[in-house]
Amino acid sequence: MDNTEAKKYPIGQFQQPEKISDQDLDRYIKTIKDFPGKIKHLVENWTNEQLDTQYRTNGWKVRQLINHLADSSMNSYIRFKLALTENNPTIKTYNEQQWAELQDSFNIDIKPAMQTLKGVHKRWVFELKALTNKEFESTYHHPDQNRDISLRESLAFCAWHCDHHFAHIDQLRKENNW
């Protein structure tokens, strides 16, 4: 992996597991549960200058990334709820890049995004822990990927997504000795 790829995918690109066991689900749920506290601990004492640093060349600023994580978590949680209450609903996609350029991602303090992460993840984990194996097989249709995605698969991706972006910020911290 060259340096550009390593910066873009510090933990590697997402690889959909062929089989997701109950132990895997438990691990993914723990990642979702622990993520808000983990990210808060990482950036809670950062200055505005640090938050306005790009985590890689041509990448988002850390502030945008934190707001993206809140946006992504809200969308993922809603997709889970739709899949649990409707028969294979087609989800609404969104342009993450354009969302990250809106003022509420670009210029606002990160505190509201951190509060959103904490609240959404708490509700999401509560629901996840209550799901049966049959409910984890519930699906939604992703129009951009033109395929049905089970909640089991989606949870694997969501856990990777948390770790992926945490690694971006942690890598920046290490590079700058923050």
N, C-alpha and C. Protein backbone atom coordinates (compact mmCIF):
# COMPACT_ATOMS: atom_id res chain seq x y z
N MET A 1 0.86 -1.18 0.00
CA MET A 1 0.00 0.00 0.00
C MET A 1 0.90 1.24 0.00
N ASP A 2 0.72 2.13 -0.99
CA ASP A 2 1.53 3.34 -1.02
C ASP A 2 1.04 4.31 0.04
N ASN A 3 1.81 5.39 0.25
CA ASN A 3 1.50 6.34 1.32
C ASN A 3 0.14 7.00 1.15
N THR A 4 -0.25 7.32 -0.10
CA THR A 4 -1.56 7.93 -0.35
C THR A 4 -2.67 6.98 0.06
N GLU A 5 -2.55 5.71 -0.32
CA GLU A 5 -3.55 4.71 0.07
C GLU A 5 -3.55 4.49 1.58
N ALA A 6 -2.37 4.48 2.18
CA ALA A 6 -2.28 4.28 3.64
C ALA A 6 -2.95 5.42 4.38
N LYS A 7 -2.83 6.64 3.86
CA LYS A 7 -3.49 7.79 4.49
C LYS A 7 -5.00 7.73 4.29
N LYS A 8 -5.41 7.28 3.11
CA LYS A 8 -6.84 7.21 2.79
C LYS A 8 -7.51 6.05 3.52
N TYR A 9 -6.82 4.92 3.61
CA TYR A 9 -7.36 3.72 4.25
C TYR A 9 -6.37 3.18 5.28
N PRO A 10 -6.23 3.87 6.41
CA PRO A 10 -5.21 3.47 7.39
C PRO A 10 -5.43 2.08 8.00
N ILE A 11 -6.64 1.57 7.96
CA ILE A 11 -6.88 0.20 8.46
C ILE A 11 -7.25 -0.72 7.30
N GLY A 12 -7.05 -0.25 6.08
CA GLY A 12 -7.41 -1.03 4.90
C GLY A 12 -8.84 -0.74 4.48
N GLN A 13 -9.14 -1.07 3.22
CA GLN A 13 -10.50 -0.88 2.72
C GLN A 13 -11.42 -1.92 3.35
N PHE A 14 -12.70 -1.58 3.39
CA PHE A 14 -13.68 -2.49 3.97
C PHE A 14 -13.76 -3.77 3.14
N GLN A 15 -13.69 -4.89 3.83
CA GLN A 15 -13.87 -6.20 3.20
C GLN A 15 -15.09 -6.86 3.85
N GLN A 16 -16.13 -7.04 3.06
CA GLN A 16 -17.36 -7.65 3.60
C GLN A 16 -17.07 -9.09 3.99
N PRO A 17 -17.26 -9.44 5.26
CA PRO A 17 -17.03 -10.83 5.68
C PRO A 17 -18.01 -11.78 4.97
N GLU A 18 -17.54 -12.97 4.66
CA GLU A 18 -18.42 -13.96 4.04
C GLU A 18 -19.47 -14.44 5.02
N LYS A 19 -19.07 -14.61 6.25
CA LYS A 19 -19.98 -15.07 7.30
C LYS A 19 -19.77 -14.17 8.51
N ILE A 20 -20.87 -13.78 9.14
CA ILE A 20 -20.80 -12.93 10.33
C ILE A 20 -21.44 -13.70 11.48
N SER A 21 -20.60 -14.10 12.43
CA SER A 21 -21.06 -14.89 13.56
C SER A 21 -21.68 -14.00 14.63
N ASP A 22 -22.30 -14.64 15.62
CA ASP A 22 -22.85 -13.89 16.75
C ASP A 22 -21.73 -13.17 17.50
N GLN A 23 -20.54 -13.78 17.58
CA GLN A 23 -19.41 -13.15 18.24
C GLN A 23 -18.96 -11.90 17.46
N ASP A 24 -19.01 -12.00 16.13
CA ASP A 24 -18.69 -10.82 15.31
C ASP A 24 -19.69 -9.71 15.59
N LEU A 25 -20.98 -10.06 15.65
CA LEU A 25 -22.00 -9.06 15.95
C LEU A 25 -21.73 -8.38 17.28
N ASP A 26 -21.38 -9.18 18.29
CA ASP A 26 -21.07 -8.62 19.61
C ASP A 26 -19.90 -7.63 19.52
N ARG A 27 -18.89 -7.98 18.75
CA ARG A 27 -17.72 -7.12 18.59
C ARG A 27 -18.11 -5.82 17.86
N TYR A 28 -18.94 -5.93 16.83
CA TYR A 28 -19.38 -4.74 16.09
C TYR A 28 -20.22 -3.84 16.98
N ILE A 29 -21.11 -4.44 17.76
CA ILE A 29 -21.95 -3.65 18.67
C ILE A 29 -21.07 -2.93 19.69
N LYS A 30 -20.06 -3.60 20.20
CA LYS A 30 -19.13 -2.96 21.15
C LYS A 30 -18.42 -1.77 20.50
N THR A 31 -18.04 -1.92 19.24
CA THR A 31 -17.40 -0.81 18.53
C THR A 31 -18.35 0.39 18.45
N ILE A 32 -19.60 0.13 18.10
CA ILE A 32 -20.61 1.21 18.01
C ILE A 32 -20.82 1.83 19.39
N LYS A 33 -20.88 0.99 20.42
CA LYS A 33 -21.11 1.47 21.79
C LYS A 33 -19.96 2.35 22.27
N ASP A 34 -18.74 1.91 22.04
CA ASP A 34 -17.57 2.60 22.58
C ASP A 34 -17.13 3.81 21.76
N PHE A 35 -17.58 3.89 20.51
CA PHE A 35 -17.05 4.90 19.60
C PHE A 35 -17.21 6.35 20.08
N PRO A 36 -18.39 6.77 20.53
CA PRO A 36 -18.50 8.19 20.94
C PRO A 36 -17.50 8.58 22.03
N GLY A 37 -17.32 7.73 23.02
CA GLY A 37 -16.36 8.03 24.09
C GLY A 37 -14.93 8.00 23.59
N LYS A 38 -14.65 7.08 22.70
CA LYS A 38 -13.30 6.94 22.15
C LYS A 38 -12.91 8.17 21.33
N ILE A 39 -13.81 8.62 20.49
CA ILE A 39 -13.51 9.79 19.64
C ILE A 39 -13.46 11.06 20.50
N LYS A 40 -14.34 11.14 21.50
CA LYS A 40 -14.32 12.30 22.40
C LYS A 40 -12.98 12.38 23.13
N HIS A 41 -12.54 11.26 23.65
CA HIS A 41 -11.27 11.23 24.37
C HIS A 41 -10.11 11.67 23.46
N LEU A 42 -10.19 11.31 22.19
CA LEU A 42 -9.13 11.65 21.24
C LEU A 42 -9.07 13.15 20.97
N VAL A 43 -10.21 13.81 20.78
CA VAL A 43 -10.20 15.21 20.30
C VAL A 43 -10.69 16.24 21.31
N GLU A 44 -11.07 15.84 22.51
CA GLU A 44 -11.73 16.77 23.42
C GLU A 44 -10.89 18.00 23.79
N ASN A 45 -9.59 17.90 23.75
CA ASN A 45 -8.76 19.05 24.13
C ASN A 45 -8.07 19.69 22.93
N TRP A 46 -8.55 19.38 21.74
CA TRP A 46 -7.93 19.95 20.55
C TRP A 46 -8.36 21.40 20.37
N THR A 47 -7.45 22.19 19.84
CA THR A 47 -7.73 23.60 19.55
C THR A 47 -8.48 23.70 18.22
N ASN A 48 -9.02 24.87 17.95
CA ASN A 48 -9.66 25.10 16.65
C ASN A 48 -8.67 24.89 15.51
N GLU A 49 -7.44 25.30 15.71
CA GLU A 49 -6.41 25.10 14.67
C GLU A 49 -6.22 23.60 14.38
N GLN A 50 -6.18 22.79 15.43
CA GLN A 50 -6.03 21.35 15.23
C GLN A 50 -7.28 20.77 14.54
N LEU A 51 -8.45 21.20 14.98
CA LEU A 51 -9.69 20.70 14.38
C LEU A 51 -9.83 21.13 12.92
N ASP A 52 -9.19 22.22 12.57
CA ASP A 52 -9.26 22.72 11.19
C ASP A 52 -8.08 22.25 10.34
N THR A 53 -7.41 21.20 10.79
CA THR A 53 -6.32 20.58 10.04
C THR A 53 -6.88 19.42 9.23
N GLN A 54 -6.46 19.34 7.96
CA GLN A 54 -6.86 18.20 7.13
C GLN A 54 -6.14 16.95 7.64
N TYR A 55 -6.85 15.85 7.70
CA TYR A 55 -6.22 14.62 8.18
C TYR A 55 -5.33 13.99 7.12
N ARG A 56 -5.50 14.41 5.85
CA ARG A 56 -4.62 14.01 4.75
C ARG A 56 -4.77 15.05 3.64
N THR A 57 -3.81 15.10 2.74
CA THR A 57 -3.89 16.01 1.60
C THR A 57 -5.16 15.70 0.81
N ASN A 58 -5.89 16.74 0.46
CA ASN A 58 -7.17 16.62 -0.25
C ASN A 58 -8.24 15.90 0.57
N GLY A 59 -8.04 15.83 1.86
CA GLY A 59 -9.04 15.22 2.74
C GLY A 59 -9.79 16.29 3.51
N TRP A 60 -10.76 15.84 4.30
CA TRP A 60 -11.53 16.77 5.12
C TRP A 60 -10.71 17.24 6.30
N LYS A 61 -11.14 18.37 6.85
CA LYS A 61 -10.61 18.82 8.13
C LYS A 61 -11.19 17.90 9.20
N VAL A 62 -10.52 17.81 10.33
CA VAL A 62 -11.01 16.97 11.43
C VAL A 62 -12.42 17.41 11.83
N ARG A 63 -12.67 18.71 11.85
CA ARG A 63 -14.01 19.22 12.20
C ARG A 63 -15.07 18.64 11.26
N GLN A 64 -14.77 18.63 9.97
CA GLN A 64 -15.71 18.08 8.98
C GLN A 64 -15.89 16.59 9.21
N LEU A 65 -14.81 15.92 9.53
CA LEU A 65 -14.86 14.48 9.76
C LEU A 65 -15.74 14.13 10.96
N ILE A 66 -15.61 14.90 12.03
CA ILE A 66 -16.44 14.66 13.22
C ILE A 66 -17.92 14.87 12.86
N ASN A 67 -18.22 15.93 12.12
CA ASN A 67 -19.60 16.17 11.71
C ASN A 67 -20.09 15.10 10.73
N HIS A 68 -19.21 14.62 9.86
CA HIS A 68 -19.55 13.52 8.96
C HIS A 68 -19.92 12.27 9.77
N LEU A 69 -19.19 12.01 10.82
CA LEU A 69 -19.48 10.83 11.65
C LEU A 69 -20.87 10.93 12.27
N ALA A 70 -21.25 12.12 12.71
CA ALA A 70 -22.60 12.31 13.25
C ALA A 70 -23.65 12.11 12.16
N ASP A 71 -23.41 12.69 10.98
CA ASP A 71 -24.34 12.53 9.85
C ASP A 71 -24.47 11.06 9.47
N SER A 72 -23.35 10.39 9.36
CA SER A 72 -23.34 8.99 8.95
C SER A 72 -24.06 8.11 9.98
N SER A 73 -23.80 8.36 11.24
CA SER A 73 -24.45 7.56 12.30
C SER A 73 -25.96 7.77 12.29
N MET A 74 -26.40 9.01 12.10
CA MET A 74 -27.84 9.26 12.04
C MET A 74 -28.46 8.50 10.86
N ASN A 75 -27.83 8.59 9.70
CA ASN A 75 -28.35 7.91 8.52
C ASN A 75 -28.35 6.40 8.71
N SER A 76 -27.29 5.86 9.27
CA SER A 76 -27.21 4.41 9.48
C SER A 76 -28.28 3.93 10.45
N TYR A 77 -28.45 4.66 11.55
CA TYR A 77 -29.46 4.30 12.54
C TYR A 77 -30.85 4.30 11.91
N ILE A 78 -31.14 5.30 11.12
CA ILE A 78 -32.44 5.37 10.44
C ILE A 78 -32.61 4.22 9.46
N ARG A 79 -31.55 3.87 8.75
CA ARG A 79 -31.62 2.72 7.83
C ARG A 79 -31.95 1.44 8.59
N PHE A 80 -31.36 1.27 9.76
CA PHE A 80 -31.66 0.10 10.58
C PHE A 80 -33.14 0.10 10.97
N LYS A 81 -33.63 1.24 11.42
CA LYS A 81 -35.03 1.31 11.85
C LYS A 81 -35.98 1.04 10.67
N LEU A 82 -35.64 1.59 9.50
CA LEU A 82 -36.47 1.34 8.32
C LEU A 82 -36.50 -0.15 7.98
N ALA A 83 -35.33 -0.78 8.01
CA ALA A 83 -35.26 -2.20 7.68
C ALA A 83 -36.04 -3.06 8.68
N LEU A 84 -36.11 -2.60 9.92
CA LEU A 84 -36.83 -3.35 10.95
C LEU A 84 -38.34 -3.14 10.91
N THR A 85 -38.77 -2.07 10.26
CA THR A 85 -40.20 -1.75 10.28
C THR A 85 -40.86 -1.81 8.91
N GLU A 86 -40.07 -2.02 7.86
CA GLU A 86 -40.61 -2.12 6.50
C GLU A 86 -39.98 -3.32 5.81
N ASN A 87 -40.62 -3.77 4.76
CA ASN A 87 -40.10 -4.91 4.01
C ASN A 87 -39.11 -4.43 2.95
N ASN A 88 -37.82 -4.61 3.21
CA ASN A 88 -36.75 -4.27 2.28
C ASN A 88 -36.92 -2.86 1.67
N PRO A 89 -36.99 -1.83 2.51
CA PRO A 89 -37.18 -0.48 1.98
C PRO A 89 -35.97 -0.02 1.16
N THR A 90 -36.23 0.81 0.19
CA THR A 90 -35.15 1.46 -0.54
C THR A 90 -34.75 2.68 0.26
N ILE A 91 -33.49 2.73 0.66
CA ILE A 91 -33.04 3.83 1.51
C ILE A 91 -32.70 5.05 0.66
N LYS A 92 -32.70 6.18 1.31
CA LYS A 92 -32.30 7.43 0.68
C LYS A 92 -30.80 7.58 0.87
N THR A 93 -30.10 7.79 -0.22
CA THR A 93 -28.66 8.05 -0.11
C THR A 93 -28.44 9.55 0.03
N TYR A 94 -27.21 9.94 0.32
CA TYR A 94 -26.89 11.35 0.44
C TYR A 94 -25.47 11.58 -0.04
N ASN A 95 -25.19 12.77 -0.49
CA ASN A 95 -23.87 13.10 -1.00
C ASN A 95 -23.00 13.56 0.18
N GLU A 96 -22.20 12.64 0.70
CA GLU A 96 -21.40 12.92 1.89
C GLU A 96 -20.46 14.10 1.68
N GLN A 97 -19.87 14.19 0.51
CA GLN A 97 -18.93 15.28 0.22
C GLN A 97 -19.64 16.64 0.29
N GLN A 98 -20.82 16.72 -0.31
CA GLN A 98 -21.56 17.99 -0.26
C GLN A 98 -22.04 18.30 1.15
N TRP A 99 -22.46 17.29 1.89
CA TRP A 99 -22.87 17.53 3.27
C TRP A 99 -21.70 18.09 4.08
N ALA A 100 -20.49 17.58 3.83
CA ALA A 100 -19.30 18.02 4.58
C ALA A 100 -18.90 19.45 4.24
N GLU A 101 -19.42 19.98 3.14
CA GLU A 101 -19.12 21.36 2.74
C GLU A 101 -20.16 22.36 3.26
N LEU A 102 -21.24 21.87 3.85
CA LEU A 102 -22.25 22.77 4.41
C LEU A 102 -21.71 23.41 5.69
N GLN A 103 -22.23 24.57 6.03
CA GLN A 103 -21.72 25.34 7.15
C GLN A 103 -21.77 24.59 8.48
N ASP A 104 -22.79 23.74 8.67
CA ASP A 104 -22.90 23.03 9.95
C ASP A 104 -21.85 21.93 10.07
N SER A 105 -21.13 21.64 9.04
CA SER A 105 -20.01 20.69 9.11
C SER A 105 -18.67 21.40 9.09
N PHE A 106 -18.65 22.54 8.47
CA PHE A 106 -17.40 23.22 8.16
C PHE A 106 -16.98 24.23 9.23
N ASN A 107 -17.94 24.90 9.85
CA ASN A 107 -17.60 26.03 10.73
C ASN A 107 -18.06 25.92 12.17
N ILE A 108 -18.89 24.97 12.48
CA ILE A 108 -19.47 24.92 13.83
C ILE A 108 -18.53 24.18 14.80
N ASP A 109 -18.66 24.50 16.05
CA ASP A 109 -17.98 23.77 17.11
C ASP A 109 -18.38 22.30 17.02
N ILE A 110 -17.52 21.39 17.42
CA ILE A 110 -17.83 19.96 17.29
C ILE A 110 -18.75 19.44 18.39
N LYS A 111 -19.02 20.24 19.40
CA LYS A 111 -19.82 19.76 20.53
C LYS A 111 -21.20 19.21 20.10
N PRO A 112 -21.96 19.89 19.24
CA PRO A 112 -23.24 19.31 18.83
C PRO A 112 -23.09 17.96 18.12
N ALA A 113 -22.05 17.81 17.29
CA ALA A 113 -21.83 16.53 16.62
C ALA A 113 -21.47 15.45 17.63
N MET A 114 -20.69 15.81 18.63
CA MET A 114 -20.32 14.83 19.67
C MET A 114 -21.55 14.42 20.48
N GLN A 115 -22.42 15.38 20.77
CA GLN A 115 -23.66 15.06 21.48
C GLN A 115 -24.55 14.15 20.63
N THR A 116 -24.60 14.44 19.34
CA THR A 116 -25.39 13.60 18.42
C THR A 116 -24.85 12.19 18.41
N LEU A 117 -23.53 12.05 18.27
CA LEU A 117 -22.92 10.72 18.27
C LEU A 117 -23.27 9.96 19.55
N LYS A 118 -23.13 10.62 20.67
CA LYS A 118 -23.41 9.97 21.95
C LYS A 118 -24.86 9.50 22.03
N GLY A 119 -25.79 10.37 21.66
CA GLY A 119 -27.21 10.01 21.75
C GLY A 119 -27.63 8.96 20.74
N VAL A 120 -27.22 9.13 19.49
CA VAL A 120 -27.60 8.17 18.45
C VAL A 120 -26.99 6.80 18.75
N HIS A 121 -25.74 6.77 19.12
CA HIS A 121 -25.09 5.48 19.39
C HIS A 121 -25.72 4.79 20.61
N LYS A 122 -26.10 5.55 21.60
CA LYS A 122 -26.75 4.95 22.78
C LYS A 122 -28.07 4.29 22.37
N ARG A 123 -28.88 4.99 21.60
CA ARG A 123 -30.16 4.42 21.14
C ARG A 123 -29.93 3.24 20.21
N TRP A 124 -28.98 3.38 19.30
CA TRP A 124 -28.68 2.34 18.32
C TRP A 124 -28.23 1.05 19.02
N VAL A 125 -27.32 1.19 19.98
CA VAL A 125 -26.83 0.01 20.70
C VAL A 125 -27.95 -0.65 21.49
N PHE A 126 -28.81 0.15 22.10
CA PHE A 126 -29.95 -0.41 22.85
C PHE A 126 -30.79 -1.29 21.91
N GLU A 127 -31.07 -0.78 20.73
CA GLU A 127 -31.85 -1.54 19.74
C GLU A 127 -31.08 -2.76 19.24
N LEU A 128 -29.81 -2.58 18.94
CA LEU A 128 -29.00 -3.69 18.43
C LEU A 128 -28.95 -4.85 19.40
N LYS A 129 -28.82 -4.56 20.68
CA LYS A 129 -28.74 -5.62 21.69
C LYS A 129 -30.04 -6.39 21.83
N ALA A 130 -31.14 -5.79 21.39
CA ALA A 130 -32.45 -6.44 21.49
C ALA A 130 -32.79 -7.27 20.25
N LEU A 131 -32.01 -7.15 19.18
CA LEU A 131 -32.35 -7.83 17.93
C LEU A 131 -32.12 -9.33 18.00
N THR A 132 -33.01 -10.05 17.36
CA THR A 132 -32.84 -11.50 17.20
C THR A 132 -32.02 -11.75 15.93
N ASN A 133 -31.55 -12.99 15.78
CA ASN A 133 -30.82 -13.34 14.56
C ASN A 133 -31.69 -13.13 13.33
N LYS A 134 -32.98 -13.42 13.46
CA LYS A 134 -33.89 -13.22 12.33
C LYS A 134 -33.99 -11.73 11.98
N GLU A 135 -34.05 -10.88 12.99
CA GLU A 135 -34.13 -9.43 12.73
C GLU A 135 -32.84 -8.91 12.09
N PHE A 136 -31.71 -9.50 12.45
CA PHE A 136 -30.45 -9.10 11.83
C PHE A 136 -30.40 -9.46 10.35
N GLU A 137 -31.30 -10.32 9.92
CA GLU A 137 -31.37 -10.68 8.49
C GLU A 137 -32.28 -9.72 7.72
N SER A 138 -32.94 -8.81 8.43
CA SER A 138 -33.75 -7.78 7.75
C SER A 138 -32.85 -7.01 6.79
N THR A 139 -33.44 -6.55 5.71
CA THR A 139 -32.64 -5.89 4.67
C THR A 139 -33.22 -4.54 4.29
N TYR A 140 -32.36 -3.75 3.68
CA TYR A 140 -32.79 -2.55 2.97
C TYR A 140 -32.12 -2.60 1.60
N HIS A 141 -32.72 -1.89 0.67
CA HIS A 141 -32.15 -1.83 -0.68
C HIS A 141 -31.34 -0.54 -0.82
N HIS A 142 -30.09 -0.69 -1.24
CA HIS A 142 -29.22 0.46 -1.45
C HIS A 142 -29.20 0.77 -2.94
N PRO A 143 -29.84 1.88 -3.37
CA PRO A 143 -29.97 2.14 -4.80
C PRO A 143 -28.64 2.41 -5.51
N ASP A 144 -27.67 3.02 -4.83
CA ASP A 144 -26.38 3.28 -5.47
C ASP A 144 -25.60 1.99 -5.70
N GLN A 145 -25.74 1.05 -4.78
CA GLN A 145 -25.06 -0.25 -4.92
C GLN A 145 -25.92 -1.26 -5.66
N ASN A 146 -27.19 -0.91 -5.87
CA ASN A 146 -28.16 -1.77 -6.54
C ASN A 146 -28.18 -3.18 -5.96
N ARG A 147 -28.28 -3.23 -4.62
CA ARG A 147 -28.37 -4.53 -3.94
C ARG A 147 -29.03 -4.38 -2.59
N ASP A 148 -29.50 -5.51 -2.09
CA ASP A 148 -30.09 -5.55 -0.76
C ASP A 148 -28.97 -5.81 0.25
N ILE A 149 -29.04 -5.13 1.38
CA ILE A 149 -28.02 -5.25 2.42
C ILE A 149 -28.71 -5.66 3.71
N SER A 150 -28.23 -6.72 4.32
CA SER A 150 -28.80 -7.15 5.61
C SER A 150 -28.24 -6.27 6.72
N LEU A 151 -28.96 -6.23 7.82
CA LEU A 151 -28.49 -5.46 8.97
C LEU A 151 -27.19 -6.04 9.51
N ARG A 152 -27.02 -7.32 9.39
CA ARG A 152 -25.78 -7.99 9.79
C ARG A 152 -24.60 -7.40 8.97
N GLU A 153 -24.79 -7.33 7.66
CA GLU A 153 -23.76 -6.77 6.78
C GLU A 153 -23.54 -5.28 7.07
N SER A 154 -24.63 -4.57 7.24
CA SER A 154 -24.55 -3.13 7.47
C SER A 154 -23.80 -2.83 8.76
N LEU A 155 -24.05 -3.62 9.79
CA LEU A 155 -23.37 -3.41 11.07
C LEU A 155 -21.87 -3.62 10.92
N ALA A 156 -21.47 -4.62 10.15
CA ALA A 156 -20.04 -4.86 9.91
C ALA A 156 -19.41 -3.62 9.27
N PHE A 157 -20.09 -3.05 8.29
CA PHE A 157 -19.57 -1.85 7.64
C PHE A 157 -19.53 -0.67 8.61
N CYS A 158 -20.59 -0.48 9.38
CA CYS A 158 -20.65 0.66 10.30
C CYS A 158 -19.53 0.60 11.34
N ALA A 159 -19.24 -0.60 11.84
CA ALA A 159 -18.14 -0.74 12.81
C ALA A 159 -16.81 -0.41 12.14
N TRP A 160 -16.62 -0.91 10.91
CA TRP A 160 -15.40 -0.58 10.17
C TRP A 160 -15.30 0.93 9.96
N HIS A 161 -16.42 1.56 9.60
CA HIS A 161 -16.45 3.00 9.33
C HIS A 161 -16.00 3.80 10.55
N CYS A 162 -16.45 3.40 11.73
CA CYS A 162 -16.02 4.07 12.96
C CYS A 162 -14.50 3.92 13.13
N ASP A 163 -14.01 2.70 13.02
CA ASP A 163 -12.58 2.45 13.19
C ASP A 163 -11.75 3.16 12.12
N HIS A 164 -12.26 3.18 10.90
CA HIS A 164 -11.60 3.81 9.76
C HIS A 164 -11.36 5.30 10.02
N HIS A 165 -12.40 6.02 10.42
CA HIS A 165 -12.25 7.45 10.64
C HIS A 165 -11.52 7.77 11.94
N PHE A 166 -11.68 6.92 12.93
CA PHE A 166 -10.88 7.10 14.15
C PHE A 166 -9.40 7.03 13.79
N ALA A 167 -9.04 6.07 12.96
CA ALA A 167 -7.64 5.90 12.55
C ALA A 167 -7.13 7.11 11.79
N HIS A 168 -7.99 7.75 10.98
CA HIS A 168 -7.57 8.97 10.29
C HIS A 168 -7.12 10.03 11.29
N ILE A 169 -7.95 10.24 12.29
CA ILE A 169 -7.67 11.31 13.27
C ILE A 169 -6.49 10.93 14.16
N ASP A 170 -6.44 9.68 14.58
CA ASP A 170 -5.35 9.23 15.44
C ASP A 170 -4.01 9.28 14.69
N GLN A 171 -4.03 8.96 13.43
CA GLN A 171 -2.82 9.02 12.61
C GLN A 171 -2.32 10.48 12.52
N LEU A 172 -3.24 11.41 12.34
CA LEU A 172 -2.88 12.83 12.32
C LEU A 172 -2.28 13.25 13.65
N ARG A 173 -2.89 12.80 14.74
CA ARG A 173 -2.38 13.12 16.09
C ARG A 173 -0.94 12.63 16.24
N LYS A 174 -0.70 11.41 15.83
CA LYS A 174 0.64 10.84 15.96
C LYS A 174 1.65 11.58 15.09
N GLU A 175 1.27 11.88 13.86
CA GLU A 175 2.18 12.59 12.94
C GLU A 175 2.59 13.96 13.46
N ASN A 176 1.67 14.61 14.17
CA ASN A 176 1.93 15.96 14.68
C ASN A 176 2.34 16.00 16.16
N ASN A 177 2.48 14.83 16.77
CA ASN A 177 2.82 14.74 18.19
C ASN A 177 1.88 15.55 19.07
N TRP A 178 0.58 15.45 18.78
CA TRP A 178 -0.42 16.16 19.57
C TRP A 178 -0.85 15.34 20.77
